[in-house]
């Protein structure tokens, strides 16, 4: 169980880095798409990306551990 948690934490860290790159790089224009409530929209976007990466990494870690057993 600890190994799956480690994979999830690594996925969350990668997801946060990816979301920050997307939101702070002017090339992707993510900040230009936000019109109504910028703080809530940005928090929702970053939270969604972080959860997506974290859950994906945890599931991948679980599958790799089951494959090794």
N, C-alpha and C. Protein backbone atom coordinates (compact mmCIF):
# COMPACT_ATOMS: atom_id res chain seq x y z
N UNK A 1 0.82 -1.18 0.00
CA UNK A 1 0.00 0.00 0.00
C UNK A 1 0.87 1.26 0.00
N UNK A 2 2.01 1.18 0.67
CA UNK A 2 2.91 2.33 0.73
C UNK A 2 3.49 2.65 -0.65
N UNK A 3 3.75 1.63 -1.44
CA UNK A 3 4.29 1.87 -2.78
C UNK A 3 3.27 2.56 -3.67
N UNK A 4 2.00 2.20 -3.53
CA UNK A 4 0.95 2.87 -4.32
C UNK A 4 0.83 4.32 -3.89
N UNK A 5 0.96 4.59 -2.58
CA UNK A 5 0.92 5.97 -2.09
C UNK A 5 2.12 6.77 -2.62
N UNK A 6 3.27 6.11 -2.71
CA UNK A 6 4.45 6.79 -3.27
C UNK A 6 4.22 7.17 -4.72
N UNK A 7 3.63 6.27 -5.49
CA UNK A 7 3.32 6.57 -6.88
C UNK A 7 2.32 7.72 -6.98
N UNK A 8 1.32 7.72 -6.10
CA UNK A 8 0.33 8.79 -6.12
C UNK A 8 0.97 10.14 -5.80
N UNK A 9 1.87 10.17 -4.84
CA UNK A 9 2.54 11.43 -4.48
C UNK A 9 3.42 11.91 -5.63
N UNK A 10 4.11 10.99 -6.30
CA UNK A 10 4.90 11.39 -7.45
C UNK A 10 4.02 11.93 -8.57
N UNK A 11 2.86 11.32 -8.78
CA UNK A 11 1.94 11.81 -9.80
C UNK A 11 1.39 13.18 -9.46
N UNK A 12 1.08 13.41 -8.19
CA UNK A 12 0.59 14.73 -7.77
C UNK A 12 1.66 15.79 -8.00
N UNK A 13 2.90 15.47 -7.68
CA UNK A 13 3.99 16.43 -7.89
C UNK A 13 4.17 16.74 -9.38
N UNK A 14 4.14 15.71 -10.20
CA UNK A 14 4.26 15.94 -11.64
C UNK A 14 3.07 16.71 -12.20
N UNK A 15 1.88 16.40 -11.70
CA UNK A 15 0.69 17.11 -12.15
C UNK A 15 0.73 18.57 -11.76
N UNK A 16 1.20 18.86 -10.57
CA UNK A 16 1.31 20.26 -10.14
C UNK A 16 2.33 21.01 -10.99
N UNK A 17 3.45 20.38 -11.28
CA UNK A 17 4.45 21.02 -12.14
C UNK A 17 3.88 21.26 -13.54
N UNK A 18 3.17 20.29 -14.08
CA UNK A 18 2.57 20.43 -15.41
C UNK A 18 1.53 21.54 -15.43
N UNK A 19 0.67 21.60 -14.40
CA UNK A 19 -0.36 22.63 -14.34
C UNK A 19 0.26 24.02 -14.20
N UNK A 20 1.31 24.13 -13.39
CA UNK A 20 1.96 25.42 -13.25
C UNK A 20 2.64 25.86 -14.54
N UNK A 21 3.23 24.93 -15.26
CA UNK A 21 3.83 25.28 -16.56
C UNK A 21 2.74 25.75 -17.52
N UNK A 22 1.60 25.06 -17.54
CA UNK A 22 0.52 25.46 -18.43
C UNK A 22 -0.04 26.83 -18.09
N UNK A 23 -0.18 27.12 -16.80
CA UNK A 23 -0.81 28.38 -16.42
C UNK A 23 0.14 29.57 -16.46
N UNK A 24 1.42 29.36 -16.26
CA UNK A 24 2.35 30.49 -16.23
C UNK A 24 3.07 30.75 -17.54
N UNK A 25 2.99 29.84 -18.50
CA UNK A 25 3.63 30.06 -19.79
C UNK A 25 2.66 30.79 -20.71
N UNK A 26 3.04 31.95 -21.21
CA UNK A 26 2.12 32.73 -22.06
C UNK A 26 1.80 32.04 -23.39
N UNK A 27 2.63 31.12 -23.82
CA UNK A 27 2.41 30.45 -25.10
C UNK A 27 1.09 29.68 -25.13
N UNK A 28 0.70 29.07 -24.01
CA UNK A 28 -0.50 28.24 -23.96
C UNK A 28 -1.78 29.07 -23.78
N UNK A 29 -1.68 30.30 -23.34
CA UNK A 29 -2.79 31.24 -23.16
C UNK A 29 -3.92 30.72 -22.28
N UNK A 30 -3.59 29.97 -21.25
CA UNK A 30 -4.62 29.47 -20.33
C UNK A 30 -5.19 30.63 -19.53
N UNK A 31 -4.37 31.59 -19.15
CA UNK A 31 -4.86 32.74 -18.38
C UNK A 31 -5.79 33.62 -19.20
N UNK A 32 -5.66 33.66 -20.51
CA UNK A 32 -6.54 34.47 -21.34
C UNK A 32 -7.95 33.88 -21.43
N UNK A 33 -8.09 32.59 -21.19
CA UNK A 33 -9.39 31.94 -21.31
C UNK A 33 -10.27 32.13 -20.08
N UNK A 34 -9.69 32.65 -19.02
CA UNK A 34 -10.43 32.81 -17.77
C UNK A 34 -11.10 34.18 -17.75
N UNK A 35 -12.44 34.20 -17.69
CA UNK A 35 -13.15 35.47 -17.74
C UNK A 35 -13.90 35.79 -16.47
N UNK A 36 -14.66 34.85 -15.93
CA UNK A 36 -15.59 35.17 -14.85
C UNK A 36 -14.92 35.26 -13.49
N UNK A 37 -14.53 34.16 -12.91
CA UNK A 37 -13.92 34.15 -11.58
C UNK A 37 -12.54 33.51 -11.70
N UNK A 38 -11.50 34.33 -11.86
CA UNK A 38 -10.18 33.76 -12.17
C UNK A 38 -9.60 32.87 -11.07
N UNK A 39 -9.81 33.21 -9.81
CA UNK A 39 -9.21 32.40 -8.74
C UNK A 39 -9.85 31.02 -8.67
N UNK A 40 -11.17 30.97 -8.73
CA UNK A 40 -11.85 29.67 -8.64
C UNK A 40 -11.60 28.83 -9.89
N UNK A 41 -11.57 29.47 -11.04
CA UNK A 41 -11.33 28.73 -12.28
C UNK A 41 -9.92 28.16 -12.28
N UNK A 42 -8.95 28.96 -11.86
CA UNK A 42 -7.57 28.48 -11.83
C UNK A 42 -7.41 27.36 -10.80
N UNK A 43 -8.05 27.51 -9.64
CA UNK A 43 -7.97 26.46 -8.62
C UNK A 43 -8.62 25.18 -9.12
N UNK A 44 -9.74 25.29 -9.81
CA UNK A 44 -10.40 24.11 -10.37
C UNK A 44 -9.57 23.44 -11.43
N UNK A 45 -8.94 24.23 -12.29
CA UNK A 45 -8.10 23.68 -13.35
C UNK A 45 -6.88 22.96 -12.76
N UNK A 46 -6.18 23.63 -11.85
CA UNK A 46 -4.98 23.03 -11.24
C UNK A 46 -5.36 21.79 -10.44
N UNK A 47 -6.46 21.86 -9.69
CA UNK A 47 -6.91 20.70 -8.91
C UNK A 47 -7.26 19.52 -9.78
N UNK A 48 -7.92 19.78 -10.90
CA UNK A 48 -8.30 18.71 -11.82
C UNK A 48 -7.06 18.04 -12.42
N UNK A 49 -6.10 18.84 -12.85
CA UNK A 49 -4.88 18.28 -13.44
C UNK A 49 -4.10 17.48 -12.40
N UNK A 50 -3.99 18.02 -11.19
CA UNK A 50 -3.24 17.33 -10.14
C UNK A 50 -3.91 16.00 -9.78
N UNK A 51 -5.23 16.01 -9.63
CA UNK A 51 -5.93 14.76 -9.32
C UNK A 51 -5.82 13.74 -10.45
N UNK A 52 -5.89 14.22 -11.68
CA UNK A 52 -5.79 13.32 -12.82
C UNK A 52 -4.42 12.63 -12.84
N UNK A 53 -3.36 13.40 -12.63
CA UNK A 53 -2.02 12.82 -12.62
C UNK A 53 -1.84 11.89 -11.42
N UNK A 54 -2.33 12.29 -10.25
CA UNK A 54 -2.17 11.49 -9.04
C UNK A 54 -2.89 10.16 -9.13
N UNK A 55 -4.13 10.18 -9.58
CA UNK A 55 -4.90 8.94 -9.70
C UNK A 55 -4.30 8.04 -10.78
N UNK A 56 -3.88 8.64 -11.88
CA UNK A 56 -3.27 7.85 -12.95
C UNK A 56 -1.98 7.19 -12.51
N UNK A 57 -1.16 7.91 -11.76
CA UNK A 57 0.10 7.34 -11.27
C UNK A 57 -0.16 6.25 -10.24
N UNK A 58 -1.17 6.44 -9.38
CA UNK A 58 -1.49 5.42 -8.38
C UNK A 58 -1.99 4.14 -9.05
N UNK A 59 -2.85 4.28 -10.04
CA UNK A 59 -3.35 3.10 -10.75
C UNK A 59 -2.23 2.39 -11.51
N UNK A 60 -1.36 3.18 -12.13
CA UNK A 60 -0.23 2.58 -12.84
C UNK A 60 0.70 1.85 -11.88
N UNK A 61 0.96 2.45 -10.71
CA UNK A 61 1.79 1.79 -9.70
C UNK A 61 1.17 0.50 -9.21
N UNK A 62 -0.16 0.50 -9.02
CA UNK A 62 -0.83 -0.72 -8.56
C UNK A 62 -0.75 -1.82 -9.62
N UNK A 63 -0.92 -1.45 -10.87
CA UNK A 63 -0.84 -2.44 -11.94
C UNK A 63 0.58 -2.99 -12.06
N UNK A 64 1.57 -2.12 -11.96
CA UNK A 64 2.95 -2.61 -12.05
C UNK A 64 3.30 -3.52 -10.87
N UNK A 65 2.79 -3.20 -9.68
CA UNK A 65 3.07 -4.08 -8.53
C UNK A 65 2.36 -5.42 -8.67
N UNK A 66 1.16 -5.44 -9.20
CA UNK A 66 0.45 -6.71 -9.42
C UNK A 66 1.16 -7.54 -10.50
N UNK A 67 1.73 -6.86 -11.47
CA UNK A 67 2.44 -7.57 -12.54
C UNK A 67 3.71 -8.24 -12.01
N UNK A 68 4.38 -7.60 -11.07
CA UNK A 68 5.60 -8.15 -10.49
C UNK A 68 5.33 -9.36 -9.59
N UNK A 69 4.16 -9.40 -8.98
CA UNK A 69 3.85 -10.47 -8.02
C UNK A 69 3.53 -11.78 -8.67
